[in-house]
Amino acid sequence: MNQRFYKSYAEGMEGEEGAFLCEVVDQLIVRQIYVIDGCHFWATPDTENNEVYFFTDQPEFPEGDIPRLEKEFDLVELTEEEFLKVWEIAQKENY
């Protein structure tokens, strides 16, 4: 199993600047978090804490796309600890 964690630039539904974090297992997103205006919106393939920020309809995350995502969306790799810290915060929030 190849597991990696990433963070990139994202925009909220009203154009607010924020971040998108995701856990990728074998080139598929399995958990995601949007952080917009201090609010954490999490989703998995089965559920989410806000239906507006639902789980991606394109969970494929090919390694070949990483260089482009680094340039276009400031993609950076996170440690598992960094991702889990934000995931734990997000799990406590419901919208």
Foldseek 3Di string as FASTA:
>chain_A
DDKWKKKWWDADPVRATWMKIFIADPQFTAKIWTQGPNAIWIEGPVDTQDPVPYDDPDRGHDPVCVVVRCVPTVMDTDDPVVVVVSVVVNVVDHD
